[in-house]
Structures are given as C-alpha cells and as structure tokens.
C-alpha cells in the first residue's frame, strides 16, 4: 500500500489522529513508521470488522511497533555480547598454557 492508498483507506477520527500524533512526538518516530502504524491499524480494524480506524486500533498498532523496536534493541545487544564472548573464547584458546 503506497501513500496514496494510505490516505484513501486509512481515514482517522480526531481522537485516533491525536493519539498517533502524540505517540510519534513522544517516541520520535519517522514518517515511515507513521505509515507502517497506519497500515497495521487498518489491518487490525479490518480483522475487528470495523469500518474505520479507531483509537483502540491505533493504540494496538503502536504497541506492536514499540515491541518491535524493543526486540530489535535486544537482538542488537545480544549480538554484541555474543561477538564479545566468541572473541574471548578464541583468545583463551590461543594463549599458551
């Protein structure tokens, strides 16, 4: 779904729009994240059988985005720890007894 389709199919009420604006300002999300949140909220609304995107749909989409960001940070941290441990193990094997 491109930006034209997002504007067409992801119409928000005032409460949902304010919620999304606050989340974007508070979390420092990009325009790309804005579009992704709208797409996920549209999907949630469709699965719920709603005609339009409501604030609850936006809130759920924001939670998924927040969870995704947290998982990315944990994965990045874990990779750094893993690299450090691999380096330490190789170094231990290379040192003479």
C-alpha atoms as a PDB file:
ATOM      1  CA  UNK A   1       0.000   0.000   0.000  1.00  0.00           C
ATOM      2  CA  UNK A   2       1.512   3.296  -1.096  1.00  0.00           C
ATOM      3  CA  UNK A   3       0.984   6.753   0.334  1.00  0.00           C
ATOM      4  CA  UNK A   4      -1.975   7.412  -1.971  1.00  0.00           C
ATOM      5  CA  UNK A   5      -3.762   4.275  -0.758  1.00  0.00           C
ATOM      6  CA  UNK A   6      -2.886   5.052   2.861  1.00  0.00           C
ATOM      7  CA  UNK A   7      -4.585   8.454   2.544  1.00  0.00           C
ATOM      8  CA  UNK A   8      -7.582   6.822   0.876  1.00  0.00           C
ATOM      9  CA  UNK A   9      -8.141   3.805   3.122  1.00  0.00           C
ATOM     10  CA  UNK A  10      -6.652   4.850   6.454  1.00  0.00           C
ATOM     11  CA  UNK A  11      -9.011   7.628   7.453  1.00  0.00           C
ATOM     12  CA  UNK A  12      -8.695   8.513  11.143  1.00  0.00           C
ATOM     13  CA  UNK A  13     -11.058  10.143  13.571  1.00  0.00           C
ATOM     14  CA  UNK A  14      -9.845  13.130  15.566  1.00  0.00           C
ATOM     15  CA  UNK A  15      -9.171  11.092  18.719  1.00  0.00           C
ATOM     16  CA  UNK A  16      -7.199   8.443  16.808  1.00  0.00           C
ATOM     17  CA  UNK A  17      -5.266  11.128  14.943  1.00  0.00           C
ATOM     18  CA  UNK A  18      -4.314  12.903  18.176  1.00  0.00           C
ATOM     19  CA  UNK A  19      -3.219   9.613  19.722  1.00  0.00           C
ATOM     20  CA  UNK A  20      -0.989   8.847  16.748  1.00  0.00           C
ATOM     21  CA  UNK A  21       0.486  12.360  16.730  1.00  0.00           C
ATOM     22  CA  UNK A  22       1.288  12.139  20.458  1.00  0.00           C
ATOM     23  CA  UNK A  23       2.933   8.743  20.030  1.00  0.00           C
ATOM     24  CA  UNK A  24       5.042   9.950  17.118  1.00  0.00           C
ATOM     25  CA  UNK A  25       6.162  13.042  19.029  1.00  0.00           C
ATOM     26  CA  UNK A  26       6.863  11.122  22.250  1.00  0.00           C
ATOM     27  CA  UNK A  27       8.708   8.187  20.663  1.00  0.00           C
ATOM     28  CA  UNK A  28      10.407  10.200  17.927  1.00  0.00           C
ATOM     29  CA  UNK A  29       9.055   8.018  15.128  1.00  0.00           C
ATOM     30  CA  UNK A  30       9.696   8.748  11.466  1.00  0.00           C
ATOM     31  CA  UNK A  31       7.226   9.335   8.653  1.00  0.00           C
ATOM     32  CA  UNK A  32       7.904   5.788   7.527  1.00  0.00           C
ATOM     33  CA  UNK A  33       6.920   4.476  10.968  1.00  0.00           C
ATOM     34  CA  UNK A  34       3.772   6.622  10.761  1.00  0.00           C
ATOM     35  CA  UNK A  35       2.773   4.838   7.560  1.00  0.00           C
ATOM     36  CA  UNK A  36       3.551   1.431   8.995  1.00  0.00           C
ATOM     37  CA  UNK A  37       1.461   2.120  12.085  1.00  0.00           C
ATOM     38  CA  UNK A  38      -1.438   3.210   9.889  1.00  0.00           C
ATOM     39  CA  UNK A  39      -1.180   0.046   7.789  1.00  0.00           C
ATOM     40  CA  UNK A  40      -1.139  -2.193  10.851  1.00  0.00           C
ATOM     41  CA  UNK A  41      -4.036  -0.248  12.397  1.00  0.00           C
ATOM     42  CA  UNK A  42      -6.016  -0.669   9.155  1.00  0.00           C
ATOM     43  CA  UNK A  43      -5.422  -4.420   9.299  1.00  0.00           C
ATOM     44  CA  UNK A  44      -6.461  -4.563  12.966  1.00  0.00           C
ATOM     45  CA  UNK A  45      -9.621  -2.605  12.177  1.00  0.00           C
ATOM     46  CA  UNK A  46     -10.474  -4.952   9.301  1.00  0.00           C
ATOM     47  CA  UNK A  47      -9.947  -8.016  11.483  1.00  0.00           C
ATOM     48  CA  UNK A  48     -12.221  -6.455  14.099  1.00  0.00           C
ATOM     49  CA  UNK A  49     -14.870  -5.808  11.433  1.00  0.00           C
ATOM     50  CA  UNK A  50     -14.728  -2.028  11.868  1.00  0.00           C
ATOM     51  CA  UNK A  51     -15.417   0.361   9.002  1.00  0.00           C
ATOM     52  CA  UNK A  52     -12.866   2.947  10.139  1.00  0.00           C
ATOM     53  CA  UNK A  53      -9.723   3.029  12.221  1.00  0.00           C
ATOM     54  CA  UNK A  54     -10.483   3.845  15.845  1.00  0.00           C
ATOM     55  CA  UNK A  55      -8.155   4.947  18.624  1.00  0.00           C
ATOM     56  CA  UNK A  56      -8.021   1.397  20.023  1.00  0.00           C
ATOM     57  CA  UNK A  57      -6.714   0.128  16.702  1.00  0.00           C
ATOM     58  CA  UNK A  58      -4.062   2.849  16.657  1.00  0.00           C
ATOM     59  CA  UNK A  59      -3.078   2.061  20.259  1.00  0.00           C
ATOM     60  CA  UNK A  60      -2.651  -1.633  19.435  1.00  0.00           C
ATOM     61  CA  UNK A  61      -0.575  -0.842  16.331  1.00  0.00           C
ATOM     62  CA  UNK A  62       1.647   1.483  18.398  1.00  0.00           C
ATOM     63  CA  UNK A  63       2.154  -1.290  20.954  1.00  0.00           C
ATOM     64  CA  UNK A  64       3.263  -3.668  18.203  1.00  0.00           C
ATOM     65  CA  UNK A  65       5.676  -1.034  16.897  1.00  0.00           C
ATOM     66  CA  UNK A  66       7.081  -0.452  20.391  1.00  0.00           C
ATOM     67  CA  UNK A  67       7.501  -4.196  20.920  1.00  0.00           C
ATOM     68  CA  UNK A  68       9.241  -4.480  17.554  1.00  0.00           C
ATOM     69  CA  UNK A  69      11.696  -1.731  18.482  1.00  0.00           C
ATOM     70  CA  UNK A  70      12.421  -3.362  21.848  1.00  0.00           C
ATOM     71  CA  UNK A  71      13.085  -6.726  20.203  1.00  0.00           C
ATOM     72  CA  UNK A  72      15.449  -5.100  17.728  1.00  0.00           C
ATOM     73  CA  UNK A  73      17.399  -3.499  20.596  1.00  0.00           C
ATOM     74  CA  UNK A  74      17.605  -6.782  22.498  1.00  0.00           C
ATOM     75  CA  UNK A  75      18.755  -8.601  19.363  1.00  0.00           C
ATOM     76  CA  UNK A  76      21.410  -5.958  18.720  1.00  0.00           C
ATOM     77  CA  UNK A  77      22.612  -6.141  22.317  1.00  0.00           C
ATOM     78  CA  UNK A  78      22.685  -9.942  22.222  1.00  0.00           C
ATOM     79  CA  UNK A  79      24.752  -9.960  19.035  1.00  0.00           C
ATOM     80  CA  UNK A  80      27.285  -7.633  20.648  1.00  0.00           C
ATOM     81  CA  UNK A  81      27.508  -9.849  23.731  1.00  0.00           C
ATOM     82  CA  UNK A  82      27.833 -12.943  21.555  1.00  0.00           C
ATOM     83  CA  UNK A  83      30.648 -11.381  19.499  1.00  0.00           C
ATOM     84  CA  UNK A  84      32.477 -10.412  22.668  1.00  0.00           C
ATOM     85  CA  UNK A  85      32.164 -13.924  24.106  1.00  0.00           C
ATOM     86  CA  UNK A  86      33.347 -15.532  20.851  1.00  0.00           C
ATOM     87  CA  UNK A  87      36.362 -13.236  20.820  1.00  0.00           C
ATOM     88  CA  UNK A  88      37.112 -14.048  24.458  1.00  0.00           C
ATOM     89  CA  UNK A  89      36.834 -17.805  23.857  1.00  0.00           C
ATOM     90  CA  UNK A  90      39.137 -17.669  20.827  1.00  0.00           C
ATOM     91  CA  UNK A  91      41.614 -15.595  22.808  1.00  0.00           C
ATOM     92  CA  UNK A  92      41.562 -18.108  25.672  1.00  0.00           C
ATOM     93  CA  UNK A  93      42.283 -20.966  23.260  1.00  0.00           C
ATOM     94  CA  UNK A  94      45.183 -19.103  21.662  1.00  0.00           C
ATOM     95  CA  UNK A  95      47.027 -18.314  24.885  1.00  0.00           C
ATOM     96  CA  UNK A  96      49.737 -20.843  25.712  1.00  0.00           C
ATOM     97  CA  UNK A  97      49.382 -22.853  28.953  1.00  0.00           C
END
